[in-house]
Amino acid sequence: MSTFTRADVERLAHLARLELSREEQDLFARQLSGILAYAEQVQRADTSGVDPTASTLATTGPMREDEVAPSLERDVALRSAPAASEETGLYKVPRVLG
């Protein structure tokens, strides 16, 4: 079983730039050790007969059929943009990378 020591908590607190008292370090070490113990318990659960799921949300009711419908003309949609390229017909956005 994995356990958190006061030294582990001290290191994490340093990385997070947190000042913790000795009592808080001891408390968090116990709490984090408990979380790890629970995670190990969950990992030991037999899931061999459980189908993998793509979503944890149950879908209820039928989905509507896709229907072709008219949409905005490109120039109408671009009118609301702060900046757009007339050559490409695309929105212009500020550069965020190099």
N, C-alpha and C. Protein backbone atom coordinates (compact mmCIF):
# COMPACT_ATOMS: atom_id res chain seq x y z
N MET A 1 0.84 -1.18 0.00
CA MET A 1 0.00 0.00 0.00
C MET A 1 0.89 1.24 0.00
N SER A 2 0.57 2.20 -0.86
CA SER A 2 1.32 3.44 -0.93
C SER A 2 0.89 4.36 0.19
N THR A 3 1.85 5.05 0.77
CA THR A 3 1.53 6.03 1.79
C THR A 3 2.27 7.32 1.50
N PHE A 4 1.68 8.41 1.92
CA PHE A 4 2.30 9.72 1.81
C PHE A 4 3.00 10.00 3.13
N THR A 5 4.20 10.48 3.06
CA THR A 5 4.92 10.88 4.26
C THR A 5 4.87 12.39 4.40
N ARG A 6 5.28 12.86 5.56
CA ARG A 6 5.35 14.30 5.77
C ARG A 6 6.31 14.92 4.76
N ALA A 7 7.39 14.22 4.43
CA ALA A 7 8.37 14.72 3.45
C ALA A 7 7.72 14.86 2.07
N ASP A 8 6.86 13.92 1.70
CA ASP A 8 6.14 14.02 0.42
C ASP A 8 5.26 15.27 0.39
N VAL A 9 4.52 15.47 1.48
CA VAL A 9 3.64 16.63 1.57
C VAL A 9 4.45 17.91 1.55
N GLU A 10 5.58 17.91 2.26
CA GLU A 10 6.46 19.08 2.29
C GLU A 10 6.94 19.43 0.88
N ARG A 11 7.31 18.41 0.12
CA ARG A 11 7.79 18.63 -1.25
C ARG A 11 6.67 19.18 -2.13
N LEU A 12 5.48 18.58 -2.03
CA LEU A 12 4.34 19.07 -2.81
C LEU A 12 3.98 20.50 -2.43
N ALA A 13 4.01 20.79 -1.15
CA ALA A 13 3.69 22.14 -0.69
C ALA A 13 4.71 23.13 -1.23
N HIS A 14 5.96 22.73 -1.25
CA HIS A 14 7.01 23.61 -1.80
C HIS A 14 6.76 23.88 -3.28
N LEU A 15 6.43 22.83 -4.04
CA LEU A 15 6.16 22.99 -5.47
C LEU A 15 4.94 23.89 -5.71
N ALA A 16 3.95 23.79 -4.82
CA ALA A 16 2.73 24.59 -4.95
C ALA A 16 2.87 25.95 -4.26
N ARG A 17 4.04 26.19 -3.68
CA ARG A 17 4.30 27.43 -2.96
C ARG A 17 3.29 27.66 -1.83
N LEU A 18 3.08 26.59 -1.06
CA LEU A 18 2.18 26.64 0.09
C LEU A 18 2.99 26.54 1.37
N GLU A 19 2.62 27.30 2.36
CA GLU A 19 3.24 27.17 3.67
C GLU A 19 2.29 26.36 4.55
N LEU A 20 2.76 25.21 5.01
CA LEU A 20 1.94 24.35 5.85
C LEU A 20 2.62 24.13 7.20
N SER A 21 1.83 24.11 8.25
CA SER A 21 2.36 23.80 9.58
C SER A 21 2.63 22.30 9.66
N ARG A 22 3.35 21.89 10.69
CA ARG A 22 3.63 20.45 10.89
C ARG A 22 2.31 19.68 11.03
N GLU A 23 1.35 20.27 11.75
CA GLU A 23 0.06 19.61 11.94
C GLU A 23 -0.65 19.43 10.60
N GLU A 24 -0.61 20.46 9.75
CA GLU A 24 -1.24 20.37 8.43
C GLU A 24 -0.53 19.34 7.56
N GLN A 25 0.80 19.30 7.64
CA GLN A 25 1.54 18.30 6.87
C GLN A 25 1.15 16.89 7.28
N ASP A 26 1.04 16.67 8.60
CA ASP A 26 0.64 15.35 9.10
C ASP A 26 -0.79 15.01 8.67
N LEU A 27 -1.69 15.98 8.77
CA LEU A 27 -3.08 15.77 8.38
C LEU A 27 -3.17 15.43 6.89
N PHE A 28 -2.50 16.21 6.05
CA PHE A 28 -2.57 15.97 4.61
C PHE A 28 -1.90 14.66 4.23
N ALA A 29 -0.84 14.29 4.92
CA ALA A 29 -0.19 12.99 4.66
C ALA A 29 -1.17 11.86 4.93
N ARG A 30 -1.91 11.94 6.06
CA ARG A 30 -2.91 10.91 6.37
C ARG A 30 -4.03 10.90 5.34
N GLN A 31 -4.52 12.09 4.98
CA GLN A 31 -5.63 12.17 4.03
C GLN A 31 -5.21 11.65 2.65
N LEU A 32 -4.03 12.05 2.18
CA LEU A 32 -3.57 11.60 0.86
C LEU A 32 -3.30 10.10 0.86
N SER A 33 -2.79 9.57 1.96
CA SER A 33 -2.60 8.12 2.06
C SER A 33 -3.93 7.39 2.00
N GLY A 34 -4.96 7.96 2.63
CA GLY A 34 -6.29 7.37 2.57
C GLY A 34 -6.85 7.37 1.16
N ILE A 35 -6.61 8.45 0.43
CA ILE A 35 -7.07 8.53 -0.96
C ILE A 35 -6.37 7.47 -1.81
N LEU A 36 -5.06 7.33 -1.63
CA LEU A 36 -4.32 6.30 -2.37
C LEU A 36 -4.81 4.89 -2.03
N ALA A 37 -5.10 4.65 -0.76
CA ALA A 37 -5.59 3.33 -0.35
C ALA A 37 -6.93 3.05 -1.01
N TYR A 38 -7.80 4.05 -1.06
CA TYR A 38 -9.10 3.86 -1.70
C TYR A 38 -8.93 3.61 -3.20
N ALA A 39 -8.03 4.36 -3.85
CA ALA A 39 -7.79 4.16 -5.29
C ALA A 39 -7.27 2.75 -5.55
N GLU A 40 -6.40 2.24 -4.69
CA GLU A 40 -5.89 0.87 -4.85
C GLU A 40 -7.03 -0.14 -4.68
N GLN A 41 -7.93 0.13 -3.76
CA GLN A 41 -9.08 -0.75 -3.54
C GLN A 41 -9.97 -0.76 -4.79
N VAL A 42 -10.20 0.38 -5.37
CA VAL A 42 -11.03 0.47 -6.57
C VAL A 42 -10.36 -0.26 -7.73
N GLN A 43 -9.04 -0.14 -7.85
CA GLN A 43 -8.32 -0.82 -8.93
C GLN A 43 -8.41 -2.34 -8.81
N ARG A 44 -8.59 -2.85 -7.60
CA ARG A 44 -8.68 -4.31 -7.40
C ARG A 44 -10.06 -4.85 -7.75
N ALA A 45 -11.03 -4.00 -7.99
CA ALA A 45 -12.39 -4.46 -8.30
C ALA A 45 -12.38 -5.26 -9.60
N ASP A 46 -13.10 -6.38 -9.60
CA ASP A 46 -13.18 -7.23 -10.79
C ASP A 46 -14.12 -6.59 -11.81
N THR A 47 -13.58 -6.17 -12.92
CA THR A 47 -14.37 -5.55 -13.98
C THR A 47 -14.35 -6.39 -15.25
N SER A 48 -14.00 -7.66 -15.11
CA SER A 48 -13.86 -8.51 -16.30
C SER A 48 -15.19 -8.69 -17.06
N GLY A 49 -16.31 -8.62 -16.37
CA GLY A 49 -17.60 -8.80 -17.04
C GLY A 49 -18.28 -7.48 -17.39
N VAL A 50 -17.56 -6.39 -17.27
CA VAL A 50 -18.16 -5.08 -17.51
C VAL A 50 -17.70 -4.56 -18.87
N ASP A 51 -18.66 -4.22 -19.72
CA ASP A 51 -18.32 -3.67 -21.03
C ASP A 51 -17.74 -2.28 -20.88
N PRO A 52 -16.74 -1.95 -21.70
CA PRO A 52 -16.22 -0.59 -21.66
C PRO A 52 -17.30 0.40 -22.09
N THR A 53 -17.24 1.59 -21.53
CA THR A 53 -18.22 2.61 -21.89
C THR A 53 -17.52 3.79 -22.54
N ALA A 54 -18.22 4.42 -23.48
CA ALA A 54 -17.69 5.61 -24.12
C ALA A 54 -18.11 6.85 -23.36
N SER A 55 -19.17 6.73 -22.56
CA SER A 55 -19.67 7.87 -21.82
C SER A 55 -20.31 7.38 -20.53
N THR A 56 -20.20 8.18 -19.50
CA THR A 56 -20.84 7.83 -18.24
C THR A 56 -22.27 8.34 -18.19
N LEU A 57 -22.65 9.15 -19.17
CA LEU A 57 -24.00 9.70 -19.21
C LEU A 57 -24.91 8.78 -20.00
N ALA A 58 -26.04 8.46 -19.43
CA ALA A 58 -27.01 7.63 -20.15
C ALA A 58 -27.74 8.50 -21.16
N THR A 59 -27.87 7.98 -22.37
CA THR A 59 -28.65 8.73 -23.35
C THR A 59 -30.10 8.32 -23.20
N THR A 60 -30.95 9.32 -23.08
CA THR A 60 -32.36 9.03 -22.92
C THR A 60 -33.12 9.57 -24.11
N GLY A 61 -33.98 8.77 -24.63
CA GLY A 61 -34.80 9.21 -25.75
C GLY A 61 -34.02 9.20 -27.05
N PRO A 62 -34.76 9.16 -28.14
CA PRO A 62 -34.10 9.13 -29.45
C PRO A 62 -33.51 10.49 -29.79
N MET A 63 -32.45 10.46 -30.55
CA MET A 63 -31.84 11.68 -31.04
C MET A 63 -32.66 12.14 -32.24
N ARG A 64 -32.71 13.43 -32.47
CA ARG A 64 -33.45 13.93 -33.62
C ARG A 64 -32.70 13.60 -34.90
N GLU A 65 -33.41 13.48 -35.97
CA GLU A 65 -32.80 13.23 -37.27
C GLU A 65 -32.11 14.50 -37.76
N ASP A 66 -31.00 14.33 -38.44
CA ASP A 66 -30.33 15.47 -39.06
C ASP A 66 -31.15 15.92 -40.26
N GLU A 67 -31.36 17.20 -40.34
CA GLU A 67 -32.10 17.75 -41.47
C GLU A 67 -31.32 18.89 -42.07
N VAL A 68 -31.26 18.93 -43.38
CA VAL A 68 -30.60 20.03 -44.06
C VAL A 68 -31.48 21.26 -43.91
N ALA A 69 -30.86 22.36 -43.47
CA ALA A 69 -31.60 23.61 -43.28
C ALA A 69 -30.72 24.75 -43.78
N PRO A 70 -31.33 25.82 -44.20
CA PRO A 70 -30.52 26.94 -44.67
C PRO A 70 -29.73 27.55 -43.51
N SER A 71 -28.54 28.03 -43.83
CA SER A 71 -27.71 28.67 -42.81
C SER A 71 -27.35 30.07 -43.29
N LEU A 72 -26.63 30.79 -42.45
CA LEU A 72 -26.23 32.15 -42.82
C LEU A 72 -25.29 32.14 -44.02
N GLU A 73 -25.41 33.11 -44.83
CA GLU A 73 -24.44 33.30 -45.91
C GLU A 73 -23.12 33.71 -45.26
N ARG A 74 -22.02 33.35 -45.88
CA ARG A 74 -20.71 33.63 -45.30
C ARG A 74 -20.52 35.11 -45.01
N ASP A 75 -20.85 35.99 -45.95
CA ASP A 75 -20.61 37.42 -45.72
C ASP A 75 -21.49 37.96 -44.59
N VAL A 76 -22.66 37.41 -44.39
CA VAL A 76 -23.53 37.83 -43.28
C VAL A 76 -22.91 37.41 -41.95
N ALA A 77 -22.40 36.18 -41.89
CA ALA A 77 -21.78 35.68 -40.67
C ALA A 77 -20.52 36.47 -40.33
N LEU A 78 -19.74 36.82 -41.36
CA LEU A 78 -18.49 37.54 -41.12
C LEU A 78 -18.71 39.00 -40.74
N ARG A 79 -19.89 39.55 -40.99
CA ARG A 79 -20.16 40.95 -40.63
C ARG A 79 -20.05 41.20 -39.14
N SER A 80 -20.36 40.20 -38.33
CA SER A 80 -20.30 40.38 -36.88
C SER A 80 -18.89 40.18 -36.32
N ALA A 81 -17.95 39.76 -37.16
CA ALA A 81 -16.59 39.50 -36.69
C ALA A 81 -15.82 40.81 -36.55
N PRO A 82 -14.97 40.92 -35.51
CA PRO A 82 -14.14 42.11 -35.38
C PRO A 82 -13.19 42.27 -36.56
N ALA A 83 -12.74 41.13 -37.13
CA ALA A 83 -11.84 41.17 -38.29
C ALA A 83 -12.03 39.91 -39.11
N ALA A 84 -12.02 40.07 -40.41
CA ALA A 84 -12.17 38.91 -41.31
C ALA A 84 -11.34 39.15 -42.55
N SER A 85 -10.93 38.06 -43.19
CA SER A 85 -10.16 38.15 -44.43
C SER A 85 -11.10 38.08 -45.61
N GLU A 86 -11.05 39.09 -46.46
CA GLU A 86 -11.91 39.08 -47.65
C GLU A 86 -11.44 38.05 -48.66
N GLU A 87 -10.11 37.78 -48.70
CA GLU A 87 -9.60 36.79 -49.67
C GLU A 87 -10.02 35.37 -49.32
N THR A 88 -9.91 35.03 -48.03
CA THR A 88 -10.20 33.65 -47.64
C THR A 88 -11.61 33.46 -47.10
N GLY A 89 -12.25 34.56 -46.68
CA GLY A 89 -13.58 34.44 -46.10
C GLY A 89 -13.54 33.81 -44.72
N LEU A 90 -12.43 33.98 -43.98
CA LEU A 90 -12.27 33.40 -42.65
C LEU A 90 -12.15 34.50 -41.60
N TYR A 91 -12.46 34.16 -40.37
CA TYR A 91 -12.27 35.08 -39.25
C TYR A 91 -10.77 35.31 -39.04
N LYS A 92 -10.39 36.51 -38.66
CA LYS A 92 -9.01 36.80 -38.28
C LYS A 92 -8.98 36.89 -36.76
N VAL A 93 -7.99 36.22 -36.18
CA VAL A 93 -7.82 36.24 -34.72
C VAL A 93 -6.39 36.62 -34.39
N PRO A 94 -6.15 37.13 -33.20
CA PRO A 94 -4.76 37.47 -32.83
C PRO A 94 -3.90 36.23 -32.78
N ARG A 95 -2.64 36.39 -33.17
CA ARG A 95 -1.67 35.29 -33.11
C ARG A 95 -1.40 34.96 -31.65
N VAL A 96 -1.44 33.69 -31.29
CA VAL A 96 -1.16 33.30 -29.91
C VAL A 96 0.14 32.53 -29.77
N LEU A 97 0.67 32.02 -30.84
CA LEU A 97 1.93 31.31 -30.81
C LEU A 97 2.92 31.98 -31.74
N GLY A 98 4.16 32.09 -31.26
CA GLY A 98 5.29 32.64 -32.00
C GLY A 98 4.94 33.34 -33.22
